[in-house]
Amino acid sequence: MAHVQKFINNNQRMLKKTLSYYIMHITVAMIVAYVVTGNLLIAATLSLLEPTVQAFAFFIHERIWERKTFSPQKH
């Protein structure tokens, strides 16, 4: 449990950013899926599935970019 707490403490800002992105993404995905399908159940299912996968991908993407150091390229 201590590892989880340490992880949360060390990544608090990024976790909050990921959560806000997740909520925004679900909202947009549900609206789009409903407009396309006209079916609320399908729209709800799609809007929860795809953004959930995207939220994890976004978090991993942010971690990689945070660790990456960019230096000027020499030509």
Protein backbone atom coordinates (compact mmCIF):
# COMPACT_ATOMS: atom_id res chain seq x y z
CA MET A 1 0.00 0.00 0.00
CA ALA A 2 2.91 2.34 0.68
CA HIS A 3 4.01 2.01 -2.95
CA VAL A 4 0.58 3.09 -4.17
CA GLN A 5 0.54 6.10 -1.84
CA LYS A 6 4.05 7.10 -2.94
CA PHE A 7 3.04 6.75 -6.59
CA ILE A 8 -0.04 8.93 -6.03
CA ASN A 9 1.97 11.56 -4.14
CA ASN A 10 4.69 11.67 -6.80
CA ASN A 11 2.21 11.93 -9.68
CA GLN A 12 -0.64 13.95 -8.17
CA ARG A 13 -0.69 16.73 -10.77
CA MET A 14 -0.48 14.33 -13.69
CA LEU A 15 -3.20 12.09 -12.22
CA LYS A 16 -5.52 15.11 -11.82
CA LYS A 17 -4.77 16.19 -15.39
CA THR A 18 -5.45 12.67 -16.63
CA LEU A 19 -8.76 12.54 -14.74
CA SER A 20 -9.95 15.87 -16.13
CA TYR A 21 -9.00 14.75 -19.64
CA TYR A 22 -10.86 11.46 -19.06
CA ILE A 23 -14.06 13.25 -18.04
CA MET A 24 -13.85 15.60 -21.01
CA HIS A 25 -13.17 12.72 -23.39
CA ILE A 26 -16.13 10.66 -22.09
CA THR A 27 -18.45 13.62 -22.56
CA VAL A 28 -17.34 14.32 -26.12
CA ALA A 29 -17.28 10.62 -27.04
CA MET A 30 -20.82 10.09 -25.73
CA ILE A 31 -22.20 13.03 -27.68
CA VAL A 32 -20.50 11.92 -30.90
CA ALA A 33 -21.50 8.26 -30.45
CA TYR A 34 -25.11 9.25 -29.78
CA VAL A 35 -25.26 11.51 -32.84
CA VAL A 36 -23.82 8.73 -35.01
CA THR A 37 -25.82 5.78 -33.60
CA GLY A 38 -28.96 7.38 -32.16
CA ASN A 39 -28.74 4.73 -29.43
CA LEU A 40 -28.06 5.85 -25.85
CA LEU A 41 -26.86 2.42 -24.62
CA ILE A 42 -24.36 2.03 -27.46
CA ALA A 43 -23.25 5.64 -27.00
CA ALA A 44 -22.68 5.10 -23.26
CA THR A 45 -20.75 1.88 -23.86
CA LEU A 46 -18.50 3.41 -26.50
CA SER A 47 -17.99 6.58 -24.50
CA LEU A 48 -16.71 4.61 -21.50
CA LEU A 49 -14.61 2.04 -23.33
CA GLU A 50 -12.53 4.14 -25.72
CA PRO A 51 -11.69 7.04 -23.35
CA THR A 52 -10.73 4.60 -20.59
CA VAL A 53 -8.13 3.04 -22.85
CA GLN A 54 -7.06 6.52 -24.02
CA ALA A 55 -6.65 7.75 -20.42
CA PHE A 56 -4.13 5.00 -19.68
CA ALA A 57 -2.36 5.67 -22.96
CA PHE A 58 -2.26 9.41 -22.19
CA PHE A 59 -0.75 8.80 -18.75
CA ILE A 60 1.96 6.55 -20.19
CA HIS A 61 2.58 9.08 -22.97
CA GLU A 62 3.02 11.88 -20.41
CA ARG A 63 5.43 9.76 -18.35
CA ILE A 64 7.57 9.08 -21.41
CA TRP A 65 7.64 12.76 -22.38
CA GLU A 66 8.43 13.78 -18.81
CA ARG A 67 11.50 11.52 -18.77
CA LYS A 68 12.65 12.40 -22.26
CA THR A 69 15.36 15.02 -22.44
CA PHE A 70 15.62 17.04 -25.57
CA SER A 71 18.92 18.39 -26.68
CA PRO A 72 19.69 20.40 -29.79
CA GLN A 73 20.66 18.19 -32.68
CA LYS A 74 24.03 18.76 -34.25
CA HIS A 75 24.14 18.71 -38.03
